[in-house]
Amino acid sequence: MKILVTRQIFPEVVEELRGRFEVEHNEDDTPWPPEELARRLAGKAGAIATVMDKFDESILARSPELKVISNIAVGYNNIDVPACTRRGIRVTNTPGVLDDTTADLAWSLLMAAARRIAEADAYVRRGDWKIAFGVQYFLGQDIHHATLGIVGMGRIGQAIARRARGFDMRVIYHNRSRLPEADEKRLDATWVERDRLLAEADFIVVMAPYSPATHHLIGAAEIAKMKPTAVLVNSSRGGVVDDAALATALREGRIAAAGLDVFEGEPNVHAGYLGLRNVVVTPHIGSATRATRMMMCNTAAANLTAVLEGREPPNPVNVIPV
């Protein structure tokens, strides 16, 4: 059977796949526009894809032999899952393997934004550091003993909460479903209404998956409820935060700072962020360590292989009715 790997992945994973399938691999790593993706999917039984590859009805209609789309990601909003289900195409993802790495990155953004690390780094590199010490140089926010608010308390949100213990933080969270009491006790986290979280938290980390229901979950109205000293971190998905509203609030000083790894319309970044000193931006690198990305690719390969060999995949997103 023929399969398509839409982006460059680790060569050892490709070689393993070539032991079972005829593989077309996008080795130059240039994202394909929809027309090119559709052309290359012709005759393919499976695809290993990324969140940048859009599988909508028009693509699926031109891929009659496709049996599985294996996403190298936890999220799958790049795939029209109901359309896949109607067409008998399995969709899989890679949950679990990137939780701690993504939580580490969220904390990196939180700390960098709170302590103005990127701004201070640029200051030194420009040669502007002329006096060895100043009492009011680059004053930031204390992290220790502050209140951390987590919007979205899934696996990654819980990993973020666990890390807060080292800073003696109070942790509050909001989730569609409240965690069992035992989990709240284990995490030392308290469920609160979202408006209360926005008003009380010194640091707000957004870890909600993207869907039409969570589009602009944090917008102008929500930002207006935050403290002027608040720091907002988004390392979940672009579109969960209204970039235009956040850029305006940061420019006007209505909140103190932000750390962002994801954006609407990636790889485009809202122009309003780029001139601001109080925002730290990274290019969607939440899971970007070699060990974690290797696990993600191996998990995606295992999912695809299982489907094409007639087995249940380890990480199914949809179920095909019999």
C-alpha atoms as a PDB file:
ATOM      1  CA  MET A   1       0.000   0.000   0.000  1.00  0.00           C
ATOM      2  CA  LYS A   2       1.055   3.563  -0.672  1.00  0.00           C
ATOM      3  CA  ILE A   3       1.218   6.229   2.023  1.00  0.00           C
ATOM      4  CA  LEU A   4       2.036   9.931   2.110  1.00  0.00           C
ATOM      5  CA  VAL A   5       4.097  11.718   4.760  1.00  0.00           C
ATOM      6  CA  THR A   6       3.204  15.361   4.274  1.00  0.00           C
ATOM      7  CA  ARG A   7       6.183  16.951   6.072  1.00  0.00           C
ATOM      8  CA  GLN A   8       9.765  16.035   6.832  1.00  0.00           C
ATOM      9  CA  ILE A   9       9.983  13.642   9.774  1.00  0.00           C
ATOM     10  CA  PHE A  10      12.841  11.622  11.269  1.00  0.00           C
ATOM     11  CA  PRO A  11      14.565   9.376   8.694  1.00  0.00           C
ATOM     12  CA  GLU A  12      14.534   6.352  10.992  1.00  0.00           C
ATOM     13  CA  VAL A  13      10.737   6.562  11.231  1.00  0.00           C
ATOM     14  CA  VAL A  14      10.482   6.773   7.444  1.00  0.00           C
ATOM     15  CA  GLU A  15      12.736   3.737   7.043  1.00  0.00           C
ATOM     16  CA  GLU A  16      10.564   1.765   9.444  1.00  0.00           C
ATOM     17  CA  LEU A  17       7.494   2.689   7.399  1.00  0.00           C
ATOM     18  CA  ARG A  18       9.253   1.711   4.170  1.00  0.00           C
ATOM     19  CA  GLY A  19       9.563  -1.790   5.537  1.00  0.00           C
ATOM     20  CA  ARG A  20       5.765  -2.060   5.269  1.00  0.00           C
ATOM     21  CA  PHE A  21       4.576   0.489   2.718  1.00  0.00           C
ATOM     22  CA  GLU A  22       5.495   2.425  -0.402  1.00  0.00           C
ATOM     23  CA  VAL A  23       6.255   5.834   1.093  1.00  0.00           C
ATOM     24  CA  GLU A  24       6.180   9.277  -0.483  1.00  0.00           C
ATOM     25  CA  HIS A  25       7.928  11.629   1.942  1.00  0.00           C
ATOM     26  CA  ASN A  26       8.009  15.423   1.733  1.00  0.00           C
ATOM     27  CA  GLU A  27      11.750  15.629   2.400  1.00  0.00           C
ATOM     28  CA  ASP A  28      12.146  19.320   1.546  1.00  0.00           C
ATOM     29  CA  ASP A  29       9.527  20.130   4.245  1.00  0.00           C
ATOM     30  CA  THR A  30       7.744  22.777   2.170  1.00  0.00           C
ATOM     31  CA  PRO A  31       4.040  22.864   3.086  1.00  0.00           C
ATOM     32  CA  TRP A  32       1.859  21.886   0.151  1.00  0.00           C
ATOM     33  CA  PRO A  33      -1.075  24.053  -0.889  1.00  0.00           C
ATOM     34  CA  PRO A  34      -4.436  22.240  -1.097  1.00  0.00           C
ATOM     35  CA  GLU A  35      -4.185  21.455  -4.803  1.00  0.00           C
ATOM     36  CA  GLU A  36      -0.752  19.883  -4.379  1.00  0.00           C
ATOM     37  CA  LEU A  37      -1.839  17.929  -1.308  1.00  0.00           C
ATOM     38  CA  ALA A  38      -4.839  16.553  -3.202  1.00  0.00           C
ATOM     39  CA  ARG A  39      -2.639  15.548  -6.146  1.00  0.00           C
ATOM     40  CA  ARG A  40      -0.161  13.709  -3.943  1.00  0.00           C
ATOM     41  CA  LEU A  41      -2.905  11.912  -2.007  1.00  0.00           C
ATOM     42  CA  ALA A  42      -4.083  10.217  -5.207  1.00  0.00           C
ATOM     43  CA  GLY A  43      -3.723   6.468  -4.788  1.00  0.00           C
ATOM     44  CA  LYS A  44      -2.625   6.720  -1.154  1.00  0.00           C
ATOM     45  CA  ALA A  45      -4.165   4.492   1.508  1.00  0.00           C
ATOM     46  CA  GLY A  46      -2.840   6.539   4.389  1.00  0.00           C
ATOM     47  CA  ALA A  47      -1.370   9.913   5.310  1.00  0.00           C
ATOM     48  CA  ILE A  48       0.828  11.020   8.179  1.00  0.00           C
ATOM     49  CA  ALA A  49       0.089  14.720   8.523  1.00  0.00           C
ATOM     50  CA  THR A  50       0.581  17.814  10.665  1.00  0.00           C
ATOM     51  CA  VAL A  51      -1.824  20.456  11.937  1.00  0.00           C
ATOM     52  CA  MET A  52      -0.856  22.643   8.976  1.00  0.00           C
ATOM     53  CA  ASP A  53      -2.361  20.149   6.502  1.00  0.00           C
ATOM     54  CA  LYS A  54      -6.054  20.816   5.951  1.00  0.00           C
ATOM     55  CA  PHE A  55      -8.208  17.792   5.164  1.00  0.00           C
ATOM     56  CA  ASP A  56     -11.587  19.225   4.252  1.00  0.00           C
ATOM     57  CA  GLU A  57     -14.421  17.825   2.164  1.00  0.00           C
ATOM     58  CA  SER A  58     -12.873  18.959  -1.116  1.00  0.00           C
ATOM     59  CA  ILE A  59      -9.602  17.138  -0.358  1.00  0.00           C
ATOM     60  CA  LEU A  60     -11.327  14.006   0.920  1.00  0.00           C
ATOM     61  CA  ALA A  61     -13.580  13.802  -2.141  1.00  0.00           C
ATOM     62  CA  ARG A  62     -10.479  13.515  -4.320  1.00  0.00           C
ATOM     63  CA  SER A  63      -8.905  10.785  -2.162  1.00  0.00           C
ATOM     64  CA  PRO A  64     -11.179   7.747  -2.589  1.00  0.00           C
ATOM     65  CA  GLU A  65      -8.511   5.232  -1.531  1.00  0.00           C
ATOM     66  CA  LEU A  66      -7.641   7.023   1.702  1.00  0.00           C
ATOM     67  CA  LYS A  67      -8.251   4.880   4.787  1.00  0.00           C
ATOM     68  CA  VAL A  68      -6.440   6.766   7.561  1.00  0.00           C
ATOM     69  CA  ILE A  69      -5.148  10.238   8.432  1.00  0.00           C
ATOM     70  CA  SER A  70      -2.605  10.034  11.248  1.00  0.00           C
ATOM     71  CA  ASN A  71      -2.046  13.473  12.757  1.00  0.00           C
ATOM     72  CA  ILE A  72       1.298  14.243  14.423  1.00  0.00           C
ATOM     73  CA  ALA A  73      -0.445  16.292  17.115  1.00  0.00           C
ATOM     74  CA  VAL A  74      -2.945  16.107  19.923  1.00  0.00           C
ATOM     75  CA  GLY A  75      -5.302  18.528  18.189  1.00  0.00           C
ATOM     76  CA  TYR A  76      -7.059  17.672  14.939  1.00  0.00           C
ATOM     77  CA  ASN A  77      -9.001  20.790  14.013  1.00  0.00           C
ATOM     78  CA  ASN A  78      -7.179  20.659  10.651  1.00  0.00           C
ATOM     79  CA  ILE A  79      -9.279  17.594   9.766  1.00  0.00           C
ATOM     80  CA  ASP A  80     -12.995  17.448   9.012  1.00  0.00           C
ATOM     81  CA  VAL A  81     -13.577  14.458  11.273  1.00  0.00           C
ATOM     82  CA  PRO A  82     -17.336  14.033  10.547  1.00  0.00           C
ATOM     83  CA  ALA A  83     -16.589  14.015   6.804  1.00  0.00           C
ATOM     84  CA  CYS A  84     -13.882  11.400   7.369  1.00  0.00           C
ATOM     85  CA  THR A  85     -16.282   9.257   9.385  1.00  0.00           C
ATOM     86  CA  ARG A  86     -18.889   9.423   6.620  1.00  0.00           C
ATOM     87  CA  ARG A  87     -16.249   8.291   4.128  1.00  0.00           C
ATOM     88  CA  GLY A  88     -14.895   5.497   6.298  1.00  0.00           C
ATOM     89  CA  ILE A  89     -11.556   7.220   6.968  1.00  0.00           C
ATOM     90  CA  ARG A  90      -9.996   6.719  10.394  1.00  0.00           C
ATOM     91  CA  VAL A  91      -8.463   9.748  12.117  1.00  0.00           C
ATOM     92  CA  THR A  92      -5.820   9.361  14.827  1.00  0.00           C
ATOM     93  CA  ASN A  93      -3.703  11.672  16.984  1.00  0.00           C
ATOM     94  CA  THR A  94      -0.768  11.567  19.408  1.00  0.00           C
ATOM     95  CA  PRO A  95      -2.009  12.357  22.927  1.00  0.00           C
ATOM     96  CA  GLY A  96      -0.043  11.818  26.101  1.00  0.00           C
ATOM     97  CA  VAL A  97       3.489  11.849  24.716  1.00  0.00           C
ATOM     98  CA  LEU A  98       3.838  15.639  24.658  1.00  0.00           C
ATOM     99  CA  ASP A  99       2.095  16.694  27.863  1.00  0.00           C
ATOM    100  CA  ASP A 100       5.154  17.432  29.985  1.00  0.00           C
ATOM    101  CA  THR A 101       7.148  19.023  27.178  1.00  0.00           C
ATOM    102  CA  THR A 102       4.302  21.389  26.296  1.00  0.00           C
ATOM    103  CA  ALA A 103       3.811  22.222  29.975  1.00  0.00           C
ATOM    104  CA  ASP A 104       7.528  23.070  30.184  1.00  0.00           C
ATOM    105  CA  LEU A 105       7.152  25.476  27.256  1.00  0.00           C
ATOM    106  CA  ALA A 106       4.098  27.145  28.827  1.00  0.00           C
ATOM    107  CA  TRP A 107       6.148  27.735  31.968  1.00  0.00           C
ATOM    108  CA  SER A 108       9.043  29.062  29.896  1.00  0.00           C
ATOM    109  CA  LEU A 109       6.716  31.631  28.321  1.00  0.00           C
ATOM    110  CA  LEU A 110       5.195  32.517  31.684  1.00  0.00           C
ATOM    111  CA  MET A 111       8.581  33.108  33.269  1.00  0.00           C
ATOM    112  CA  ALA A 112      10.013  34.956  30.274  1.00  0.00           C
ATOM    113  CA  ALA A 113       7.003  37.283  30.101  1.00  0.00           C
ATOM    114  CA  ALA A 114       6.876  37.822  33.876  1.00  0.00           C
ATOM    115  CA  ARG A 115      10.570  38.647  34.201  1.00  0.00           C
ATOM    116  CA  ARG A 116      10.908  40.460  30.835  1.00  0.00           C
ATOM    117  CA  ILE A 117      13.615  38.050  29.668  1.00  0.00           C
ATOM    118  CA  ALA A 118      13.303  38.626  25.915  1.00  0.00           C
ATOM    119  CA  GLU A 119      13.223  42.402  26.383  1.00  0.00           C
ATOM    120  CA  ALA A 120      16.290  42.312  28.643  1.00  0.00           C
ATOM    121  CA  ASP A 121      18.147  40.006  26.245  1.00  0.00           C
ATOM    122  CA  ALA A 122      17.540  42.410  23.356  1.00  0.00           C
ATOM    123  CA  TYR A 123      18.687  45.318  25.550  1.00  0.00           C
ATOM    124  CA  VAL A 124      22.038  43.635  26.200  1.00  0.00           C
ATOM    125  CA  ARG A 125      22.530  42.569  22.581  1.00  0.00           C
ATOM    126  CA  ARG A 126      21.900  46.117  21.329  1.00  0.00           C
ATOM    127  CA  GLY A 127      24.679  47.396  23.553  1.00  0.00           C
ATOM    128  CA  ASP A 128      22.295  49.521  25.633  1.00  0.00           C
ATOM    129  CA  TRP A 129      23.509  48.154  29.003  1.00  0.00           C
ATOM    130  CA  LYS A 130      25.766  51.007  30.183  1.00  0.00           C
ATOM    131  CA  ILE A 131      25.335  50.960  33.982  1.00  0.00           C
ATOM    132  CA  ALA A 132      25.985  47.719  35.874  1.00  0.00           C
ATOM    133  CA  PHE A 133      22.963  47.891  38.181  1.00  0.00           C
ATOM    134  CA  GLY A 134      19.820  49.961  38.543  1.00  0.00           C
ATOM    135  CA  VAL A 135      17.155  49.586  41.228  1.00  0.00           C
ATOM    136  CA  GLN A 136      14.368  49.990  38.684  1.00  0.00           C
ATOM    137  CA  TYR A 137      15.893  48.119  35.734  1.00  0.00           C
ATOM    138  CA  PHE A 138      13.410  45.790  34.051  1.00  0.00           C
ATOM    139  CA  LEU A 139      10.994  45.413  36.920  1.00  0.00           C
ATOM    140  CA  GLY A 140       8.761  42.402  36.354  1.00  0.00           C
ATOM    141  CA  GLN A 141       6.255  40.254  38.200  1.00  0.00           C
ATOM    142  CA  ASP A 142       6.906  37.848  41.070  1.00  0.00           C
ATOM    143  CA  ILE A 143       5.885  34.301  40.226  1.00  0.00           C
ATOM    144  CA  HIS A 144       6.330  32.768  43.660  1.00  0.00           C
ATOM    145  CA  HIS A 145       3.253  32.889  45.933  1.00  0.00           C
ATOM    146  CA  ALA A 146       1.155  34.363  43.099  1.00  0.00           C
ATOM    147  CA  THR A 147      -2.162  33.011  41.798  1.00  0.00           C
ATOM    148  CA  LEU A 148      -2.064  30.841  38.683  1.00  0.00           C
ATOM    149  CA  GLY A 149      -5.283  30.460  36.691  1.00  0.00           C
ATOM    150  CA  ILE A 150      -5.533  27.621  34.186  1.00  0.00           C
ATOM    151  CA  VAL A 151      -8.251  27.684  31.527  1.00  0.00           C
ATOM    152  CA  GLY A 152      -8.569  24.085  30.362  1.00  0.00           C
ATOM    153  CA  MET A 153      -7.554  21.391  32.847  1.00  0.00           C
ATOM    154  CA  GLY A 154      -6.814  18.429  30.623  1.00  0.00           C
ATOM    155  CA  ARG A 155      -3.579  16.461  30.742  1.00  0.00           C
ATOM    156  CA  ILE A 156      -1.375  19.430  29.835  1.00  0.00           C
ATOM    157  CA  GLY A 157      -3.246  21.803  32.141  1.00  0.00           C
ATOM    158  CA  GLN A 158      -2.702  19.369  34.986  1.00  0.00           C
ATOM    159  CA  ALA A 159       1.013  19.114  34.150  1.00  0.00           C
ATOM    160  CA  ILE A 160       1.199  22.914  34.346  1.00  0.00           C
ATOM    161  CA  ALA A 161      -0.564  22.863  37.717  1.00  0.00           C
ATOM    162  CA  ARG A 162       1.889  20.315  39.119  1.00  0.00           C
ATOM    163  CA  ARG A 163       4.807  22.599  38.288  1.00  0.00           C
ATOM    164  CA  ALA A 164       3.235  25.438  40.262  1.00  0.00           C
ATOM    165  CA  ARG A 165       4.040  23.694  43.535  1.00  0.00           C
ATOM    166  CA  GLY A 166       7.688  24.626  43.185  1.00  0.00           C
ATOM    167  CA  PHE A 167       6.693  28.292  43.223  1.00  0.00           C
ATOM    168  CA  ASP A 168       4.282  27.984  46.177  1.00  0.00           C
ATOM    169  CA  MET A 169       1.466  29.256  43.984  1.00  0.00           C
ATOM    170  CA  ARG A 170      -2.241  29.188  44.575  1.00  0.00           C
ATOM    171  CA  VAL A 171      -3.801  27.346  41.629  1.00  0.00           C
ATOM    172  CA  ILE A 172      -7.331  27.962  40.386  1.00  0.00           C
ATOM    173  CA  TYR A 173      -8.797  26.522  37.220  1.00  0.00           C
ATOM    174  CA  HIS A 174     -11.829  26.546  34.979  1.00  0.00           C
ATOM    175  CA  ASN A 175     -12.878  23.602  32.862  1.00  0.00           C
ATOM    176  CA  ARG A 176     -16.108  22.514  31.223  1.00  0.00           C
ATOM    177  CA  SER A 177     -16.130  19.541  33.583  1.00  0.00           C
ATOM    178  CA  ARG A 178     -14.864  19.837  37.113  1.00  0.00           C
ATOM    179  CA  LEU A 179     -12.142  17.365  38.063  1.00  0.00           C
ATOM    180  CA  PRO A 180     -12.881  14.662  40.633  1.00  0.00           C
ATOM    181  CA  GLU A 181     -12.221  15.794  44.186  1.00  0.00           C
ATOM    182  CA  ALA A 182      -9.262  13.427  44.494  1.00  0.00           C
ATOM    183  CA  ASP A 183      -7.580  15.001  41.443  1.00  0.00           C
ATOM    184  CA  GLU A 184      -8.162  18.512  42.774  1.00  0.00           C
ATOM    185  CA  LYS A 185      -6.562  17.500  46.045  1.00  0.00           C
ATOM    186  CA  ARG A 186      -3.632  15.862  44.245  1.00  0.00           C
ATOM    187  CA  LEU A 187      -3.038  19.021  42.202  1.00  0.00           C
ATOM    188  CA  ASP A 188      -3.913  21.402  45.051  1.00  0.00           C
ATOM    189  CA  ALA A 189      -6.166  23.199  42.551  1.00  0.00           C
ATOM    190  CA  THR A 190      -9.562  24.819  43.045  1.00  0.00           C
ATOM    191  CA  TRP A 191     -12.311  25.017  40.419  1.00  0.00           C
ATOM    192  CA  VAL A 192     -13.817  28.496  39.986  1.00  0.00           C
ATOM    193  CA  GLU A 193     -16.138  30.198  37.547  1.00  0.00           C
ATOM    194  CA  ARG A 194     -14.291  31.646  34.580  1.00  0.00           C
ATOM    195  CA  ASP A 195     -15.016  35.283  35.449  1.00  0.00           C
ATOM    196  CA  ARG A 196     -13.611  34.767  38.928  1.00  0.00           C
ATOM    197  CA  LEU A 197     -10.471  33.179  37.493  1.00  0.00           C
ATOM    198  CA  LEU A 198      -9.968  36.100  35.125  1.00  0.00           C
ATOM    199  CA  ALA A 199     -10.374  38.608  37.948  1.00  0.00           C
ATOM    200  CA  GLU A 200      -8.186  36.876  40.547  1.00  0.00           C
ATOM    201  CA  ALA A 201      -5.320  35.243  38.647  1.00  0.00           C
ATOM    202  CA  ASP A 202      -1.939  36.920  38.371  1.00  0.00           C
ATOM    203  CA  PHE A 203      -0.982  34.497  35.596  1.00  0.00           C
ATOM    204  CA  ILE A 204      -3.517  32.994  33.206  1.00  0.00           C
ATOM    205  CA  VAL A 205      -2.529  30.010  31.076  1.00  0.00           C
ATOM    206  CA  VAL A 206      -4.895  28.976  28.289  1.00  0.00           C
ATOM    207  CA  MET A 207      -4.820  25.249  27.489  1.00  0.00           C
ATOM    208  CA  ALA A 208      -8.171  24.751  25.758  1.00  0.00           C
ATOM    209  CA  PRO A 209      -8.460  22.825  22.477  1.00  0.00           C
ATOM    210  CA  TYR A 210      -9.621  24.797  19.459  1.00  0.00           C
ATOM    211  CA  SER A 211     -13.152  24.309  18.139  1.00  0.00           C
ATOM    212  CA  PRO A 212     -15.951  26.620  17.003  1.00  0.00           C
ATOM    213  CA  ALA A 213     -17.089  26.634  20.644  1.00  0.00           C
ATOM    214  CA  THR A 214     -13.700  27.897  21.880  1.00  0.00           C
ATOM    215  CA  HIS A 215     -13.044  30.407  19.085  1.00  0.00           C
ATOM    216  CA  HIS A 216     -11.971  33.644  20.822  1.00  0.00           C
ATOM    217  CA  LEU A 217     -12.626  32.067  24.204  1.00  0.00           C
ATOM    218  CA  ILE A 218     -10.384  34.849  25.485  1.00  0.00           C
ATOM    219  CA  GLY A 219     -11.437  38.056  23.756  1.00  0.00           C
ATOM    220  CA  ALA A 220     -11.824  41.734  24.581  1.00  0.00           C
ATOM    221  CA  ALA A 221     -14.536  41.142  27.202  1.00  0.00           C
ATOM    222  CA  GLU A 222     -12.475  38.511  29.011  1.00  0.00           C
ATOM    223  CA  ILE A 223      -9.273  40.581  28.899  1.00  0.00           C
ATOM    224  CA  ALA A 224     -11.180  43.503  30.423  1.00  0.00           C
ATOM    225  CA  LYS A 225     -11.844  41.387  33.502  1.00  0.00           C
ATOM    226  CA  MET A 226      -8.123  40.722  34.132  1.00  0.00           C
ATOM    227  CA  LYS A 227      -5.859  42.601  36.506  1.00  0.00           C
ATOM    228  CA  PRO A 228      -3.700  45.326  34.907  1.00  0.00           C
ATOM    229  CA  THR A 229      -0.723  43.354  36.264  1.00  0.00           C
ATOM    230  CA  ALA A 230      -1.890  40.058  34.734  1.00  0.00           C
ATOM    231  CA  VAL A 231       0.259  37.945  32.415  1.00  0.00           C
ATOM    232  CA  LEU A 232      -1.524  35.829  29.791  1.00  0.00           C
ATOM    233  CA  VAL A 233       0.030  32.697  28.253  1.00  0.00           C
ATOM    234  CA  ASN A 234      -1.386  30.835  25.251  1.00  0.00           C
ATOM    235  CA  SER A 235       0.348  27.653  24.158  1.00  0.00           C
ATOM    236  CA  SER A 236      -2.780  25.717  23.193  1.00  0.00           C
ATOM    237  CA  ARG A 237      -4.103  26.686  19.754  1.00  0.00           C
ATOM    238  CA  GLY A 238      -4.342  29.852  17.715  1.00  0.00           C
ATOM    239  CA  GLY A 239      -7.864  31.224  17.592  1.00  0.00           C
ATOM    240  CA  VAL A 240      -8.628  30.401  21.219  1.00  0.00           C
ATOM    241  CA  VAL A 241      -7.329  33.890  22.016  1.00  0.00           C
ATOM    242  CA  ASP A 242      -8.441  36.924  19.990  1.00  0.00           C
ATOM    243  CA  ASP A 243      -5.049  38.192  18.812  1.00  0.00           C
ATOM    244  CA  ALA A 244      -6.319  41.608  17.777  1.00  0.00           C
ATOM    245  CA  ALA A 245      -7.967  42.218  21.157  1.00  0.00           C
ATOM    246  CA  LEU A 246      -4.910  41.005  23.059  1.00  0.00           C
ATOM    247  CA  ALA A 247      -2.481  43.106  21.023  1.00  0.00           C
ATOM    248  CA  THR A 248      -4.589  46.196  21.706  1.00  0.00           C
ATOM    249  CA  ALA A 249      -4.767  45.464  25.441  1.00  0.00           C
ATOM    250  CA  LEU A 250      -0.995  44.954  25.642  1.00  0.00           C
ATOM    251  CA  ARG A 251      -0.305  48.151  23.707  1.00  0.00           C
ATOM    252  CA  GLU A 252      -2.631  50.153  25.949  1.00  0.00           C
ATOM    253  CA  GLY A 253      -1.213  48.623  29.149  1.00  0.00           C
ATOM    254  CA  ARG A 254      -4.511  47.073  30.224  1.00  0.00           C
ATOM    255  CA  ILE A 255      -2.650  43.885  31.108  1.00  0.00           C
ATOM    256  CA  ALA A 256       1.049  43.631  31.837  1.00  0.00           C
ATOM    257  CA  ALA A 257       2.411  41.034  29.428  1.00  0.00           C
ATOM    258  CA  ALA A 258       1.813  37.907  27.380  1.00  0.00           C
ATOM    259  CA  GLY A 259       3.694  34.811  26.271  1.00  0.00           C
ATOM    260  CA  LEU A 260       2.437  33.270  23.035  1.00  0.00           C
ATOM    261  CA  ASP A 261       3.381  30.118  21.133  1.00  0.00           C
ATOM    262  CA  VAL A 262       0.308  29.923  18.882  1.00  0.00           C
ATOM    263  CA  PHE A 263      -1.518  32.406  16.679  1.00  0.00           C
ATOM    264  CA  GLU A 264      -4.478  32.773  14.390  1.00  0.00           C
ATOM    265  CA  GLY A 265      -3.584  32.079  10.763  1.00  0.00           C
ATOM    266  CA  GLU A 266      -0.146  30.591  11.458  1.00  0.00           C
ATOM    267  CA  PRO A 267       2.538  31.148  10.285  1.00  0.00           C
ATOM    268  CA  ASN A 268       1.221  34.696  10.095  1.00  0.00           C
ATOM    269  CA  VAL A 269       1.471  36.627  13.355  1.00  0.00           C
ATOM    270  CA  HIS A 270      -0.746  39.606  14.151  1.00  0.00           C
ATOM    271  CA  ALA A 271       1.308  42.674  13.264  1.00  0.00           C
ATOM    272  CA  GLY A 272       0.234  44.380  16.477  1.00  0.00           C
ATOM    273  CA  TYR A 273       2.411  42.045  18.533  1.00  0.00           C
ATOM    274  CA  LEU A 274       5.653  42.663  16.698  1.00  0.00           C
ATOM    275  CA  GLY A 275       6.322  46.183  17.933  1.00  0.00           C
ATOM    276  CA  LEU A 276       5.510  45.431  21.558  1.00  0.00           C
ATOM    277  CA  ARG A 277       8.127  44.900  24.251  1.00  0.00           C
ATOM    278  CA  ASN A 278       5.694  43.210  26.672  1.00  0.00           C
ATOM    279  CA  VAL A 279       4.994  40.090  24.618  1.00  0.00           C
ATOM    280  CA  VAL A 280       7.199  37.026  24.149  1.00  0.00           C
ATOM    281  CA  VAL A 281       6.490  35.102  20.944  1.00  0.00           C
ATOM    282  CA  THR A 282       7.670  31.667  19.794  1.00  0.00           C
ATOM    283  CA  PRO A 283       6.818  29.789  16.556  1.00  0.00           C
ATOM    284  CA  HIS A 284       4.535  26.962  17.795  1.00  0.00           C
ATOM    285  CA  ILE A 285       7.310  25.002  19.502  1.00  0.00           C
ATOM    286  CA  GLY A 286       5.359  23.613  22.461  1.00  0.00           C
ATOM    287  CA  SER A 287       6.392  20.009  21.810  1.00  0.00           C
ATOM    288  CA  ALA A 288       9.706  20.813  20.124  1.00  0.00           C
ATOM    289  CA  THR A 289      12.266  18.620  21.789  1.00  0.00           C
ATOM    290  CA  ARG A 290      13.909  15.816  19.862  1.00  0.00           C
ATOM    291  CA  ALA A 291      12.730  13.138  22.266  1.00  0.00           C
ATOM    292  CA  THR A 292       9.105  14.292  22.241  1.00  0.00           C
ATOM    293  CA  ARG A 293       8.857  14.893  18.505  1.00  0.00           C
ATOM    294  CA  MET A 294      10.370  11.451  17.904  1.00  0.00           C
ATOM    295  CA  MET A 295       7.728   9.900  20.155  1.00  0.00           C
ATOM    296  CA  MET A 296       5.020  11.813  18.311  1.00  0.00           C
ATOM    297  CA  CYS A 297       6.244  10.565  14.927  1.00  0.00           C
ATOM    298  CA  ASN A 298       6.550   6.987  16.162  1.00  0.00           C
ATOM    299  CA  THR A 299       3.057   7.181  17.646  1.00  0.00           C
ATOM    300  CA  ALA A 300       1.653   8.526  14.372  1.00  0.00           C
ATOM    301  CA  ALA A 301       3.396   5.739  12.453  1.00  0.00           C
ATOM    302  CA  ALA A 302       2.008   3.125  14.850  1.00  0.00           C
ATOM    303  CA  ASN A 303      -1.516   4.529  14.450  1.00  0.00           C
ATOM    304  CA  LEU A 304      -1.315   4.481  10.660  1.00  0.00           C
ATOM    305  CA  THR A 305       0.214   1.003  10.551  1.00  0.00           C
ATOM    306  CA  ALA A 306      -2.469  -0.425  12.817  1.00  0.00           C
ATOM    307  CA  VAL A 307      -5.305   0.858  10.642  1.00  0.00           C
ATOM    308  CA  LEU A 308      -3.764  -0.311   7.377  1.00  0.00           C
ATOM    309  CA  GLU A 309      -3.038  -3.739   8.847  1.00  0.00           C
ATOM    310  CA  GLY A 310      -6.625  -4.094   9.990  1.00  0.00           C
ATOM    311  CA  ARG A 311      -6.078  -3.444  13.696  1.00  0.00           C
ATOM    312  CA  GLU A 312      -7.549  -0.865  16.055  1.00  0.00           C
ATOM    313  CA  PRO A 313      -5.168   2.126  16.305  1.00  0.00           C
ATOM    314  CA  PRO A 314      -3.740   3.011  19.719  1.00  0.00           C
ATOM    315  CA  ASN A 315      -5.090   6.573  19.531  1.00  0.00           C
ATOM    316  CA  PRO A 316      -8.371   6.752  17.593  1.00  0.00           C
ATOM    317  CA  VAL A 317     -10.215  10.024  17.154  1.00  0.00           C
ATOM    318  CA  ASN A 318     -13.250   8.603  15.353  1.00  0.00           C
ATOM    319  CA  VAL A 319     -15.071   5.313  15.057  1.00  0.00           C
ATOM    320  CA  ILE A 320     -16.381   4.036  11.738  1.00  0.00           C
ATOM    321  CA  PRO A 321     -19.898   2.602  12.020  1.00  0.00           C
ATOM    322  CA  VAL A 322     -20.168  -1.031  10.923  1.00  0.00           C
END
